[in-house]
Amino acid sequence: MKCYNTKIKLLNYLWLSKEKQNGFTLLELLIAMLIVTLFVSLSLEGMLLASLAQIRARDRAEASLKIQQDLAAIRSLAANYTLDTSGDEFKARCNGTWTPPGKSSKQNILDGFSAYINSNLDLLNPSQYTSAASTSSYTFSRTLTPSTTNTNILQITYNVTDPKTSNSLAQLSTEVIPDVAFQCP
């Protein structure tokens, strides 16, 4: 009888242990691993895109700063640009009717001012610069154009582009009036 009781206890144990199984099946584990892998890969892709956007934003901010620095230098030059305001030449320049000796075209205050800007700023601001944020090279351009509506206003257009993709990082159009133009009659 003792042997019979032992067999019954053993069978009961084996039967109950199958009923009370608390583990996961192989299929459940594979599905869980697939879900975790998918979540991790999407998270890493999101982090990569966020990093690239941050680098791009830093490049744009640096390009804008470069433009602001150049514009501040031009405004400083505009404040320091002087002409002899006592003679008829100054009045003619104010009106845009002055013809310099040996030249056939009429000039105004901005003709000398544009040359003054280019001679003083080209050494400070090269056309190519490298971003500190991404170590990429960018093209910096400044275009000086006299205004068509007022002969004493200088229109300045800036553009910073990526030479590899030709995409613009920053643009600005503004106007500058040399201080000497305010002395025009």
Protein backbone atom coordinates (compact mmCIF):
# COMPACT_ATOMS: atom_id res chain seq x y z
CA MET A 1 0.00 0.00 0.00
CA LYS A 2 2.87 2.23 0.73
CA CYS A 3 4.10 1.86 -2.82
CA TYR A 4 0.64 2.61 -4.16
CA ASN A 5 0.38 5.84 -2.13
CA THR A 6 3.76 7.00 -3.38
CA LYS A 7 2.68 6.46 -7.00
CA ILE A 8 -0.54 8.38 -6.44
CA LYS A 9 1.33 11.25 -4.83
CA LEU A 10 3.80 11.32 -7.72
CA LEU A 11 1.01 11.32 -10.31
CA ASN A 12 -0.85 14.03 -8.43
CA TYR A 13 2.30 16.14 -8.30
CA LEU A 14 2.98 15.76 -12.02
CA TRP A 15 -0.66 16.42 -12.93
CA LEU A 16 -0.95 19.50 -10.67
CA SER A 17 2.39 20.91 -11.81
CA LYS A 18 1.16 20.89 -15.44
CA GLU A 19 -2.06 22.67 -14.44
CA LYS A 20 -0.32 25.37 -12.41
CA GLN A 21 2.37 26.22 -14.95
CA ASN A 22 3.24 29.94 -14.58
CA GLY A 23 5.90 30.43 -17.32
CA PHE A 24 5.68 31.87 -20.86
CA THR A 25 5.61 29.89 -24.05
CA LEU A 26 8.31 30.31 -26.68
CA LEU A 27 5.87 32.13 -28.98
CA GLU A 28 4.98 34.64 -26.27
CA LEU A 29 8.67 35.31 -25.62
CA LEU A 30 9.39 35.85 -29.33
CA ILE A 31 6.50 38.31 -29.66
CA ALA A 32 7.65 40.21 -26.57
CA MET A 33 11.21 40.39 -27.93
CA LEU A 34 9.91 41.65 -31.28
CA ILE A 35 7.88 44.41 -29.60
CA VAL A 36 10.84 45.51 -27.45
CA THR A 37 13.17 45.50 -30.48
CA LEU A 38 10.73 47.57 -32.50
CA PHE A 39 10.33 50.08 -29.66
CA VAL A 40 14.11 50.41 -29.16
CA SER A 41 14.79 50.86 -32.90
CA LEU A 42 12.10 53.56 -33.22
CA SER A 43 13.46 55.33 -30.15
CA LEU A 44 17.00 55.30 -31.55
CA GLU A 45 15.78 56.62 -34.90
CA GLY A 46 13.94 59.43 -33.12
CA MET A 47 17.06 60.31 -31.14
CA LEU A 48 19.14 60.36 -34.34
CA LEU A 49 16.65 62.67 -36.08
CA ALA A 50 16.59 64.96 -33.03
CA SER A 51 20.40 65.14 -33.06
CA LEU A 52 20.47 65.99 -36.75
CA ALA A 53 17.83 68.69 -36.25
CA GLN A 54 19.84 70.13 -33.37
CA ILE A 55 23.01 70.31 -35.49
CA ARG A 56 21.05 71.96 -38.32
CA ALA A 57 19.59 74.49 -35.87
CA ARG A 58 23.07 75.30 -34.55
CA ASP A 59 24.34 75.81 -38.10
CA ARG A 60 21.42 78.16 -38.84
CA ALA A 61 22.04 80.09 -35.63
CA GLU A 62 25.73 80.37 -36.45
CA ALA A 63 24.92 81.58 -39.98
CA SER A 64 22.53 84.19 -38.56
CA LEU A 65 25.20 85.32 -36.10
CA LYS A 66 27.71 85.66 -38.95
CA ILE A 67 25.23 87.88 -40.83
CA GLN A 68 24.55 89.97 -37.71
CA GLN A 69 28.27 90.48 -37.11
CA ASP A 70 28.82 91.58 -40.70
CA LEU A 71 25.83 93.93 -40.57
CA ALA A 72 27.11 95.44 -37.30
CA ALA A 73 30.48 96.06 -38.99
CA ILE A 74 28.73 97.74 -41.95
CA ARG A 75 26.69 99.93 -39.61
CA SER A 76 29.90 100.92 -37.84
CA LEU A 77 31.46 101.81 -41.19
CA ALA A 78 28.32 103.78 -42.11
CA ALA A 79 28.69 105.78 -38.91
CA ASN A 80 32.37 106.49 -39.60
CA TYR A 81 32.13 107.23 -43.34
CA THR A 82 32.85 110.89 -43.94
CA LEU A 83 32.85 113.29 -46.87
CA ASP A 84 33.73 116.95 -47.12
CA THR A 85 30.29 118.48 -46.63
CA SER A 86 31.28 122.08 -47.30
CA GLY A 87 31.46 122.24 -51.11
CA ASP A 88 29.23 121.90 -54.13
CA GLU A 89 30.51 118.36 -54.71
CA PHE A 90 28.71 117.16 -51.58
CA LYS A 91 25.43 118.78 -52.68
CA ALA A 92 25.80 117.17 -56.12
CA ARG A 93 26.52 113.79 -54.51
CA CYS A 94 23.41 114.16 -52.33
CA ASN A 95 21.33 114.65 -55.48
CA GLY A 96 23.13 111.94 -57.42
CA THR A 97 24.30 114.43 -60.05
CA TRP A 98 28.03 114.54 -59.29
CA THR A 99 30.39 113.41 -62.06
CA PRO A 100 33.92 112.77 -60.76
CA PRO A 101 36.89 114.01 -62.81
CA GLY A 102 37.79 111.57 -65.57
CA LYS A 103 34.50 109.66 -65.32
CA SER A 104 31.44 109.86 -67.51
CA SER A 105 28.82 108.46 -65.12
CA LYS A 106 27.14 110.35 -62.32
CA GLN A 107 27.78 109.26 -58.76
CA ASN A 108 26.18 109.77 -55.37
CA ILE A 109 27.16 109.24 -51.74
CA LEU A 110 26.73 105.47 -51.98
CA ASP A 111 29.25 104.98 -54.80
CA GLY A 112 32.15 105.79 -52.52
CA PHE A 113 30.48 104.14 -49.55
CA SER A 114 30.08 100.77 -51.33
CA ALA A 115 33.78 100.76 -52.27
CA TYR A 116 34.63 101.78 -48.68
CA ILE A 117 32.61 98.84 -47.31
CA ASN A 118 34.13 96.30 -49.70
CA SER A 119 37.70 97.45 -49.06
CA ASN A 120 37.25 97.26 -45.27
CA LEU A 121 35.11 94.15 -44.84
CA ASP A 122 36.41 91.60 -47.31
CA LEU A 123 39.40 90.93 -45.09
CA LEU A 124 37.17 90.41 -42.03
CA ASN A 125 34.52 88.18 -43.62
CA PRO A 126 35.71 85.54 -46.07
CA SER A 127 33.19 84.05 -48.47
CA GLN A 128 33.77 80.52 -47.09
CA TYR A 129 33.59 79.63 -43.43
CA THR A 130 33.40 76.40 -41.43
CA SER A 131 30.67 75.87 -38.86
CA ALA A 132 31.85 75.03 -35.37
CA ALA A 133 28.69 72.99 -34.73
CA SER A 134 28.98 70.55 -37.61
CA THR A 135 32.42 71.29 -39.15
CA SER A 136 30.68 71.80 -42.51
CA SER A 137 31.77 74.54 -44.90
CA TYR A 138 29.27 77.19 -45.96
CA THR A 139 29.27 80.01 -48.50
CA PHE A 140 28.64 83.51 -47.18
CA SER A 141 27.61 86.18 -49.69
CA ARG A 142 26.81 89.87 -49.33
CA THR A 143 25.33 91.91 -52.18
CA LEU A 144 25.36 95.71 -52.02
CA THR A 145 22.85 97.49 -54.26
CA PRO A 146 21.93 101.18 -54.30
CA SER A 147 18.23 101.73 -53.72
CA THR A 148 16.20 102.63 -56.79
CA THR A 149 13.92 104.92 -54.78
CA ASN A 150 16.51 106.91 -52.77
CA THR A 151 20.08 107.50 -53.91
CA ASN A 152 21.38 107.58 -50.32
CA ILE A 153 20.05 104.17 -49.21
CA LEU A 154 22.19 101.07 -49.66
CA GLN A 155 20.30 97.77 -49.90
CA ILE A 156 22.22 94.79 -48.53
CA THR A 157 21.27 91.18 -49.18
CA TYR A 158 22.92 88.31 -47.30
CA ASN A 159 22.77 84.63 -48.10
CA VAL A 160 24.50 81.71 -46.38
CA THR A 161 24.28 78.47 -48.36
CA ASP A 162 25.54 74.92 -48.16
CA PRO A 163 27.67 74.46 -51.31
CA LYS A 164 27.04 70.69 -51.36
CA THR A 165 23.24 70.92 -51.49
CA SER A 166 22.73 74.60 -52.48
CA ASN A 167 20.27 74.89 -49.58
CA SER A 168 20.08 78.26 -47.88
CA LEU A 169 20.78 78.32 -44.14
CA ALA A 170 20.07 82.01 -43.58
CA GLN A 171 18.99 85.03 -45.61
CA LEU A 172 18.57 88.70 -44.77
CA SER A 173 17.70 91.81 -46.75
CA THR A 174 18.13 95.19 -45.13
CA GLU A 175 18.98 98.81 -45.87
CA VAL A 176 21.73 101.06 -44.52
CA ILE A 177 22.04 104.81 -44.75
CA PRO A 178 25.49 106.29 -44.13
CA ASP A 179 25.37 108.95 -41.42
CA VAL A 180 26.84 111.52 -43.81
CA ALA A 181 23.67 111.24 -45.94
CA PHE A 182 21.69 112.84 -43.10
CA GLN A 183 23.72 116.00 -43.65
CA CYS A 184 22.38 116.39 -47.19
CA PRO A 185 20.47 119.63 -47.75
